[in-house]
Amino acid sequence: MKAGQYTEEQIIAVLKEGEAGARVADLCRKYGMSDATYYNWKAKYSGMSVSDLKRLKALEAENRRLKQIVADQALDNLALKELLSKNF
C-alpha cells in the first residue's frame, strides 16, 4: 500500500466505523490495509474530527516553519561568532 493513499477525512471515517463496532479485521480487509496501519491511525487520530485534524496539520506546518527559522538563525549566529573571533 502506498503511503498517503488515504486522505485524513477517509482515515477518520474508517476510525469512526471501528468505533461504531465494526471488527478491525473486517475494516482492514474492506479498505486494503494492515492491522498495524489501523492501530497507527488510531493512536494518531483517535477522537479527532475533520476540523481538529485540519487545525493539527496547520499547527504542524507552522511548527516546522518556525523550527527552520530558528535553525537558520543559529547558523547565522555561529557564522558571525566565527567571523568576529578571528584576529585582524
PDB file of N, CA and C in Angstrom:
ATOM      1  N   MET A   1       0.833  -1.175   0.000  1.00  0.00           N
ATOM      2  CA  MET A   1       0.000   0.000   0.000  1.00  0.00           C
ATOM      3  C   MET A   1       0.880   1.241   0.000  1.00  0.00           C
ATOM      4  N   LYS A   2       0.558   2.196  -0.829  1.00  0.00           N
ATOM      5  CA  LYS A   2       1.322   3.416  -0.917  1.00  0.00           C
ATOM      6  C   LYS A   2       1.028   4.307   0.281  1.00  0.00           C
ATOM      7  N   ALA A   3       2.076   4.950   0.761  1.00  0.00           N
ATOM      8  CA  ALA A   3       1.885   5.900   1.848  1.00  0.00           C
ATOM      9  C   ALA A   3       1.111   7.091   1.309  1.00  0.00           C
ATOM     10  N   GLY A   4       0.183   7.581   2.074  1.00  0.00           N
ATOM     11  CA  GLY A   4      -0.585   8.733   1.646  1.00  0.00           C
ATOM     12  C   GLY A   4      -1.718   8.402   0.707  1.00  0.00           C
ATOM     13  N   GLN A   5      -2.101   7.159   0.634  1.00  0.00           N
ATOM     14  CA  GLN A   5      -3.175   6.762  -0.265  1.00  0.00           C
ATOM     15  C   GLN A   5      -4.523   7.274   0.236  1.00  0.00           C
ATOM     16  N   TYR A   6      -4.662   7.393   1.536  1.00  0.00           N
ATOM     17  CA  TYR A   6      -5.918   7.826   2.126  1.00  0.00           C
ATOM     18  C   TYR A   6      -5.812   9.271   2.601  1.00  0.00           C
ATOM     19  N   THR A   7      -6.878  10.038   2.410  1.00  0.00           N
ATOM     20  CA  THR A   7      -6.917  11.393   2.934  1.00  0.00           C
ATOM     21  C   THR A   7      -7.256  11.328   4.415  1.00  0.00           C
ATOM     22  N   GLU A   8      -7.036  12.424   5.091  1.00  0.00           N
ATOM     23  CA  GLU A   8      -7.341  12.466   6.513  1.00  0.00           C
ATOM     24  C   GLU A   8      -8.833  12.233   6.772  1.00  0.00           C
ATOM     25  N   GLU A   9      -9.669  12.742   5.889  1.00  0.00           N
ATOM     26  CA  GLU A   9     -11.108  12.547   6.035  1.00  0.00           C
ATOM     27  C   GLU A   9     -11.468  11.068   5.938  1.00  0.00           C
ATOM     28  N   GLN A  10     -10.822  10.357   5.013  1.00  0.00           N
ATOM     29  CA  GLN A  10     -11.073   8.927   4.862  1.00  0.00           C
ATOM     30  C   GLN A  10     -10.579   8.158   6.079  1.00  0.00           C
ATOM     31  N   ILE A  11      -9.435   8.557   6.619  1.00  0.00           N
ATOM     32  CA  ILE A  11      -8.899   7.894   7.800  1.00  0.00           C
ATOM     33  C   ILE A  11      -9.849   8.046   8.972  1.00  0.00           C
ATOM     34  N   ILE A  12     -10.362   9.244   9.163  1.00  0.00           N
ATOM     35  CA  ILE A  12     -11.294   9.482  10.263  1.00  0.00           C
ATOM     36  C   ILE A  12     -12.577   8.692  10.057  1.00  0.00           C
ATOM     37  N   ALA A  13     -13.030   8.581   8.811  1.00  0.00           N
ATOM     38  CA  ALA A  13     -14.234   7.792   8.535  1.00  0.00           C
ATOM     39  C   ALA A  13     -14.014   6.319   8.879  1.00  0.00           C
ATOM     40  N   VAL A  14     -12.848   5.788   8.553  1.00  0.00           N
ATOM     41  CA  VAL A  14     -12.535   4.389   8.871  1.00  0.00           C
ATOM     42  C   VAL A  14     -12.506   4.198  10.385  1.00  0.00           C
ATOM     43  N   LEU A  15     -11.887   5.140  11.092  1.00  0.00           N
ATOM     44  CA  LEU A  15     -11.820   5.030  12.552  1.00  0.00           C
ATOM     45  C   LEU A  15     -13.199   5.134  13.191  1.00  0.00           C
ATOM     46  N   LYS A  16     -14.063   5.959  12.628  1.00  0.00           N
ATOM     47  CA  LYS A  16     -15.430   6.060  13.163  1.00  0.00           C
ATOM     48  C   LYS A  16     -16.197   4.763  12.956  1.00  0.00           C
ATOM     49  N   GLU A  17     -15.944   4.095  11.836  1.00  0.00           N
ATOM     50  CA  GLU A  17     -16.556   2.779  11.627  1.00  0.00           C
ATOM     51  C   GLU A  17     -16.090   1.799  12.695  1.00  0.00           C
ATOM     52  N   GLY A  18     -14.808   1.862  13.019  1.00  0.00           N
ATOM     53  CA  GLY A  18     -14.269   0.994  14.055  1.00  0.00           C
ATOM     54  C   GLY A  18     -14.860   1.300  15.416  1.00  0.00           C
ATOM     55  N   GLU A  19     -15.069   2.576  15.701  1.00  0.00           N
ATOM     56  CA  GLU A  19     -15.675   2.967  16.969  1.00  0.00           C
ATOM     57  C   GLU A  19     -17.139   2.550  17.037  1.00  0.00           C
ATOM     58  N   ALA A  20     -17.780   2.470  15.877  1.00  0.00           N
ATOM     59  CA  ALA A  20     -19.185   2.095  15.832  1.00  0.00           C
ATOM     60  C   ALA A  20     -19.391   0.604  16.070  1.00  0.00           C
ATOM     61  N   GLY A  21     -18.312  -0.160  16.072  1.00  0.00           N
ATOM     62  CA  GLY A  21     -18.439  -1.569  16.390  1.00  0.00           C
ATOM     63  C   GLY A  21     -17.982  -2.533  15.320  1.00  0.00           C
ATOM     64  N   ALA A  22     -17.490  -2.023  14.210  1.00  0.00           N
ATOM     65  CA  ALA A  22     -17.004  -2.916  13.158  1.00  0.00           C
ATOM     66  C   ALA A  22     -15.697  -3.570  13.618  1.00  0.00           C
ATOM     67  N   ARG A  23     -15.498  -4.803  13.225  1.00  0.00           N
ATOM     68  CA  ARG A  23     -14.280  -5.517  13.597  1.00  0.00           C
ATOM     69  C   ARG A  23     -13.098  -4.964  12.813  1.00  0.00           C
ATOM     70  N   VAL A  24     -11.957  -4.919  13.461  1.00  0.00           N
ATOM     71  CA  VAL A  24     -10.754  -4.371  12.841  1.00  0.00           C
ATOM     72  C   VAL A  24     -10.348  -5.196  11.624  1.00  0.00           C
ATOM     73  N   ALA A  25     -10.427  -6.501  11.735  1.00  0.00           N
ATOM     74  CA  ALA A  25     -10.052  -7.367  10.616  1.00  0.00           C
ATOM     75  C   ALA A  25     -10.937  -7.099   9.398  1.00  0.00           C
ATOM     76  N   ASP A  26     -12.231  -6.888   9.638  1.00  0.00           N
ATOM     77  CA  ASP A  26     -13.150  -6.603   8.531  1.00  0.00           C
ATOM     78  C   ASP A  26     -12.830  -5.246   7.887  1.00  0.00           C
ATOM     79  N   LEU A  27     -12.544  -4.257   8.713  1.00  0.00           N
ATOM     80  CA  LEU A  27     -12.204  -2.941   8.169  1.00  0.00           C
ATOM     81  C   LEU A  27     -10.916  -2.994   7.349  1.00  0.00           C
ATOM     82  N   CYS A  28      -9.941  -3.722   7.856  1.00  0.00           N
ATOM     83  CA  CYS A  28      -8.660  -3.819   7.145  1.00  0.00           C
ATOM     84  C   CYS A  28      -8.835  -4.520   5.805  1.00  0.00           C
ATOM     85  N   ARG A  29      -9.651  -5.546   5.790  1.00  0.00           N
ATOM     86  CA  ARG A  29      -9.904  -6.260   4.536  1.00  0.00           C
ATOM     87  C   ARG A  29     -10.679  -5.371   3.569  1.00  0.00           C
ATOM     88  N   LYS A  30     -11.662  -4.637   4.082  1.00  0.00           N
ATOM     89  CA  LYS A  30     -12.507  -3.783   3.247  1.00  0.00           C
ATOM     90  C   LYS A  30     -11.695  -2.662   2.591  1.00  0.00           C
ATOM     91  N   TYR A  31     -10.785  -2.056   3.358  1.00  0.00           N
ATOM     92  CA  TYR A  31     -10.037  -0.911   2.852  1.00  0.00           C
ATOM     93  C   TYR A  31      -8.638  -1.263   2.365  1.00  0.00           C
ATOM     94  N   GLY A  32      -8.253  -2.528   2.465  1.00  0.00           N
ATOM     95  CA  GLY A  32      -6.974  -2.977   1.934  1.00  0.00           C
ATOM     96  C   GLY A  32      -5.766  -2.450   2.682  1.00  0.00           C
ATOM     97  N   MET A  33      -5.816  -2.541   3.989  1.00  0.00           N
ATOM     98  CA  MET A  33      -4.697  -2.078   4.803  1.00  0.00           C
ATOM     99  C   MET A  33      -4.380  -3.117   5.863  1.00  0.00           C
ATOM    100  N   SER A  34      -3.267  -2.933   6.552  1.00  0.00           N
ATOM    101  CA  SER A  34      -2.876  -3.890   7.583  1.00  0.00           C
ATOM    102  C   SER A  34      -3.448  -3.475   8.932  1.00  0.00           C
ATOM    103  N   ASP A  35      -3.418  -4.413   9.860  1.00  0.00           N
ATOM    104  CA  ASP A  35      -3.860  -4.114  11.222  1.00  0.00           C
ATOM    105  C   ASP A  35      -2.984  -3.029  11.837  1.00  0.00           C
ATOM    106  N   ALA A  36      -1.682  -3.108  11.551  1.00  0.00           N
ATOM    107  CA  ALA A  36      -0.755  -2.127  12.111  1.00  0.00           C
ATOM    108  C   ALA A  36      -1.095  -0.716  11.641  1.00  0.00           C
ATOM    109  N   THR A  37      -1.485  -0.591  10.383  1.00  0.00           N
ATOM    110  CA  THR A  37      -1.877   0.718   9.862  1.00  0.00           C
ATOM    111  C   THR A  37      -3.080   1.248  10.610  1.00  0.00           C
ATOM    112  N   TYR A  38      -4.069   0.388  10.826  1.00  0.00           N
ATOM    113  CA  TYR A  38      -5.267   0.807  11.557  1.00  0.00           C
ATOM    114  C   TYR A  38      -4.900   1.290  12.957  1.00  0.00           C
ATOM    115  N   TYR A  39      -4.067   0.535  13.663  1.00  0.00           N
ATOM    116  CA  TYR A  39      -3.724   0.901  15.027  1.00  0.00           C
ATOM    117  C   TYR A  39      -2.823   2.135  15.079  1.00  0.00           C
ATOM    118  N   ASN A  40      -1.977   2.331  14.069  1.00  0.00           N
ATOM    119  CA  ASN A  40      -1.190   3.571  13.995  1.00  0.00           C
ATOM    120  C   ASN A  40      -2.112   4.767  13.791  1.00  0.00           C
ATOM    121  N   TRP A  41      -3.085   4.623  12.901  1.00  0.00           N
ATOM    122  CA  TRP A  41      -4.065   5.690  12.693  1.00  0.00           C
ATOM    123  C   TRP A  41      -4.826   5.963  13.977  1.00  0.00           C
ATOM    124  N   LYS A  42      -5.219   4.903  14.653  1.00  0.00           N
ATOM    125  CA  LYS A  42      -5.995   5.053  15.879  1.00  0.00           C
ATOM    126  C   LYS A  42      -5.184   5.796  16.935  1.00  0.00           C
ATOM    127  N   ALA A  43      -3.904   5.482  17.045  1.00  0.00           N
ATOM    128  CA  ALA A  43      -3.050   6.162  18.017  1.00  0.00           C
ATOM    129  C   ALA A  43      -2.900   7.648  17.680  1.00  0.00           C
ATOM    130  N   LYS A  44      -2.849   7.950  16.400  1.00  0.00           N
ATOM    131  CA  LYS A  44      -2.607   9.328  15.990  1.00  0.00           C
ATOM    132  C   LYS A  44      -3.888  10.161  15.895  1.00  0.00           C
ATOM    133  N   TYR A  45      -4.954   9.575  15.371  1.00  0.00           N
ATOM    134  CA  TYR A  45      -6.149  10.346  15.044  1.00  0.00           C
ATOM    135  C   TYR A  45      -7.373  10.036  15.895  1.00  0.00           C
ATOM    136  N   SER A  46      -7.241   9.215  16.902  1.00  0.00           N
ATOM    137  CA  SER A  46      -8.400   8.806  17.687  1.00  0.00           C
ATOM    138  C   SER A  46      -9.063  10.005  18.363  1.00  0.00           C
ATOM    139  N   GLY A  47     -10.362  10.093  18.249  1.00  0.00           N
ATOM    140  CA  GLY A  47     -11.128  11.143  18.893  1.00  0.00           C
ATOM    141  C   GLY A  47     -11.117  12.478  18.175  1.00  0.00           C
ATOM    142  N   MET A  48     -10.557  12.542  16.984  1.00  0.00           N
ATOM    143  CA  MET A  48     -10.488  13.803  16.246  1.00  0.00           C
ATOM    144  C   MET A  48     -11.623  13.917  15.244  1.00  0.00           C
ATOM    145  N   SER A  49     -11.993  15.149  15.005  1.00  0.00           N
ATOM    146  CA  SER A  49     -12.918  15.418  13.906  1.00  0.00           C
ATOM    147  C   SER A  49     -12.090  15.977  12.752  1.00  0.00           C
ATOM    148  N   VAL A  50     -12.724  16.180  11.627  1.00  0.00           N
ATOM    149  CA  VAL A  50     -12.009  16.674  10.448  1.00  0.00           C
ATOM    150  C   VAL A  50     -11.463  18.076  10.713  1.00  0.00           C
ATOM    151  N   SER A  51     -12.232  18.917  11.390  1.00  0.00           N
ATOM    152  CA  SER A  51     -11.749  20.273  11.671  1.00  0.00           C
ATOM    153  C   SER A  51     -10.555  20.245  12.631  1.00  0.00           C
ATOM    154  N   ASP A  52     -10.588  19.341  13.616  1.00  0.00           N
ATOM    155  CA  ASP A  52      -9.445  19.189  14.527  1.00  0.00           C
ATOM    156  C   ASP A  52      -8.208  18.764  13.754  1.00  0.00           C
ATOM    157  N   LEU A  53      -8.388  17.861  12.816  1.00  0.00           N
ATOM    158  CA  LEU A  53      -7.268  17.360  12.034  1.00  0.00           C
ATOM    159  C   LEU A  53      -6.671  18.456  11.153  1.00  0.00           C
ATOM    160  N   LYS A  54      -7.518  19.270  10.549  1.00  0.00           N
ATOM    161  CA  LYS A  54      -7.020  20.364   9.717  1.00  0.00           C
ATOM    162  C   LYS A  54      -6.247  21.369  10.571  1.00  0.00           C
ATOM    163  N   ARG A  55      -6.731  21.620  11.778  1.00  0.00           N
ATOM    164  CA  ARG A  55      -6.034  22.529  12.687  1.00  0.00           C
ATOM    165  C   ARG A  55      -4.690  21.931  13.096  1.00  0.00           C
ATOM    166  N   LEU A  56      -4.661  20.634  13.369  1.00  0.00           N
ATOM    167  CA  LEU A  56      -3.414  19.960  13.720  1.00  0.00           C
ATOM    168  C   LEU A  56      -2.400  20.067  12.590  1.00  0.00           C
ATOM    169  N   LYS A  57      -2.829  19.841  11.370  1.00  0.00           N
ATOM    170  CA  LYS A  57      -1.927  19.930  10.221  1.00  0.00           C
ATOM    171  C   LYS A  57      -1.380  21.354  10.069  1.00  0.00           C
ATOM    172  N   ALA A  58      -2.241  22.359  10.274  1.00  0.00           N
ATOM    173  CA  ALA A  58      -1.788  23.743  10.175  1.00  0.00           C
ATOM    174  C   ALA A  58      -0.765  24.054  11.260  1.00  0.00           C
ATOM    175  N   LEU A  59      -0.998  23.578  12.480  1.00  0.00           N
ATOM    176  CA  LEU A  59      -0.059  23.804  13.570  1.00  0.00           C
ATOM    177  C   LEU A  59       1.266  23.092  13.324  1.00  0.00           C
ATOM    178  N   GLU A  60       1.216  21.887  12.773  1.00  0.00           N
ATOM    179  CA  GLU A  60       2.445  21.161  12.453  1.00  0.00           C
ATOM    180  C   GLU A  60       3.250  21.899  11.383  1.00  0.00           C
ATOM    181  N   ALA A  61       2.569  22.440  10.388  1.00  0.00           N
ATOM    182  CA  ALA A  61       3.255  23.189   9.334  1.00  0.00           C
ATOM    183  C   ALA A  61       3.892  24.458   9.905  1.00  0.00           C
ATOM    184  N   GLU A  62       3.172  25.147  10.775  1.00  0.00           N
ATOM    185  CA  GLU A  62       3.722  26.349  11.393  1.00  0.00           C
ATOM    186  C   GLU A  62       4.924  26.003  12.273  1.00  0.00           C
ATOM    187  N   ASN A  63       4.818  24.916  13.022  1.00  0.00           N
ATOM    188  CA  ASN A  63       5.917  24.479  13.885  1.00  0.00           C
ATOM    189  C   ASN A  63       7.156  24.141  13.052  1.00  0.00           C
ATOM    190  N   ARG A  64       6.956  23.455  11.941  1.00  0.00           N
ATOM    191  CA  ARG A  64       8.054  23.108  11.047  1.00  0.00           C
ATOM    192  C   ARG A  64       8.727  24.379  10.505  1.00  0.00           C
ATOM    193  N   ARG A  65       7.920  25.365  10.136  1.00  0.00           N
ATOM    194  CA  ARG A  65       8.442  26.624   9.602  1.00  0.00           C
ATOM    195  C   ARG A  65       9.230  27.376  10.678  1.00  0.00           C
ATOM    196  N   LEU A  66       8.716  27.414  11.902  1.00  0.00           N
ATOM    197  CA  LEU A  66       9.406  28.109  12.984  1.00  0.00           C
ATOM    198  C   LEU A  66      10.719  27.417  13.355  1.00  0.00           C
ATOM    199  N   LYS A  67      10.728  26.094  13.339  1.00  0.00           N
ATOM    200  CA  LYS A  67      11.968  25.365  13.623  1.00  0.00           C
ATOM    201  C   LYS A  67      13.020  25.665  12.563  1.00  0.00           C
ATOM    202  N   GLN A  68      12.606  25.801  11.321  1.00  0.00           N
ATOM    203  CA  GLN A  68      13.534  26.132  10.248  1.00  0.00           C
ATOM    204  C   GLN A  68      14.107  27.530  10.446  1.00  0.00           C
ATOM    205  N   ILE A  69      13.278  28.469  10.877  1.00  0.00           N
ATOM    206  CA  ILE A  69      13.750  29.835  11.135  1.00  0.00           C
ATOM    207  C   ILE A  69      14.788  29.829  12.255  1.00  0.00           C
ATOM    208  N   VAL A  70      14.514  29.088  13.329  1.00  0.00           N
ATOM    209  CA  VAL A  70      15.463  29.013  14.446  1.00  0.00           C
ATOM    210  C   VAL A  70      16.774  28.384  13.993  1.00  0.00           C
ATOM    211  N   ALA A  71      16.703  27.342  13.196  1.00  0.00           N
ATOM    212  CA  ALA A  71      17.927  26.702  12.702  1.00  0.00           C
ATOM    213  C   ALA A  71      18.733  27.664  11.833  1.00  0.00           C
ATOM    214  N   ASP A  72      18.067  28.417  10.972  1.00  0.00           N
ATOM    215  CA  ASP A  72      18.764  29.390  10.129  1.00  0.00           C
ATOM    216  C   ASP A  72      19.429  30.478  10.972  1.00  0.00           C
ATOM    217  N   GLN A  73      18.731  30.942  12.004  1.00  0.00           N
ATOM    218  CA  GLN A  73      19.303  31.968  12.875  1.00  0.00           C
ATOM    219  C   GLN A  73      20.502  31.429  13.649  1.00  0.00           C
ATOM    220  N   ALA A  74      20.429  30.189  14.079  1.00  0.00           N
ATOM    221  CA  ALA A  74      21.552  29.592  14.807  1.00  0.00           C
ATOM    222  C   ALA A  74      22.780  29.493  13.896  1.00  0.00           C
ATOM    223  N   LEU A  75      22.583  29.127  12.638  1.00  0.00           N
ATOM    224  CA  LEU A  75      23.702  29.066  11.695  1.00  0.00           C
ATOM    225  C   LEU A  75      24.284  30.456  11.437  1.00  0.00           C
ATOM    226  N   ASP A  76      23.423  31.443  11.282  1.00  0.00           N
ATOM    227  CA  ASP A  76      23.897  32.807  11.075  1.00  0.00           C
ATOM    228  C   ASP A  76      24.687  33.286  12.289  1.00  0.00           C
ATOM    229  N   ASN A  77      24.173  32.983  13.477  1.00  0.00           N
ATOM    230  CA  ASN A  77      24.837  33.380  14.716  1.00  0.00           C
ATOM    231  C   ASN A  77      26.211  32.723  14.816  1.00  0.00           C
ATOM    232  N   LEU A  78      26.298  31.453  14.496  1.00  0.00           N
ATOM    233  CA  LEU A  78      27.573  30.737  14.534  1.00  0.00           C
ATOM    234  C   LEU A  78      28.566  31.336  13.538  1.00  0.00           C
ATOM    235  N   ALA A  79      28.103  31.654  12.354  1.00  0.00           N
ATOM    236  CA  ALA A  79      28.982  32.239  11.337  1.00  0.00           C
ATOM    237  C   ALA A  79      29.499  33.607  11.789  1.00  0.00           C
ATOM    238  N   LEU A  80      28.640  34.408  12.404  1.00  0.00           N
ATOM    239  CA  LEU A  80      29.076  35.720  12.887  1.00  0.00           C
ATOM    240  C   LEU A  80      30.077  35.583  14.026  1.00  0.00           C
ATOM    241  N   LYS A  81      29.864  34.624  14.926  1.00  0.00           N
ATOM    242  CA  LYS A  81      30.810  34.413  16.022  1.00  0.00           C
ATOM    243  C   LYS A  81      32.175  33.993  15.490  1.00  0.00           C
ATOM    244  N   GLU A  82      32.196  33.134  14.491  1.00  0.00           N
ATOM    245  CA  GLU A  82      33.461  32.710  13.900  1.00  0.00           C
ATOM    246  C   GLU A  82      34.166  33.872  13.218  1.00  0.00           C
ATOM    247  N   LEU A  83      33.397  34.702  12.563  1.00  0.00           N
ATOM    248  CA  LEU A  83      33.976  35.851  11.873  1.00  0.00           C
ATOM    249  C   LEU A  83      34.559  36.840  12.862  1.00  0.00           C
ATOM    250  N   LEU A  84      33.854  37.091  13.969  1.00  0.00           N
ATOM    251  CA  LEU A  84      34.316  38.042  14.954  1.00  0.00           C
ATOM    252  C   LEU A  84      35.465  37.518  15.811  1.00  0.00           C
ATOM    253  N   SER A  85      35.611  36.208  15.892  1.00  0.00           N
ATOM    254  CA  SER A  85      36.670  35.648  16.725  1.00  0.00           C
ATOM    255  C   SER A  85      38.038  35.700  16.051  1.00  0.00           C
ATOM    256  N   LYS A  86      38.077  35.899  14.756  1.00  0.00           N
ATOM    257  CA  LYS A  86      39.348  35.968  14.038  1.00  0.00           C
ATOM    258  C   LYS A  86      40.045  37.299  14.345  1.00  0.00           C
ATOM    259  N   ASN A  87      41.350  37.225  14.452  1.00  0.00           N
ATOM    260  CA  ASN A  87      42.129  38.454  14.699  1.00  0.00           C
ATOM    261  C   ASN A  87      42.476  39.084  13.357  1.00  0.00           C
ATOM    262  N   PHE A  88      42.226  40.359  13.284  1.00  0.00           N
ATOM    263  CA  PHE A  88      42.516  41.058  12.034  1.00  0.00           C
ATOM    264  C   PHE A  88      43.780  41.823  12.140  1.00  0.00           C
TER     265      PHE A  88
END
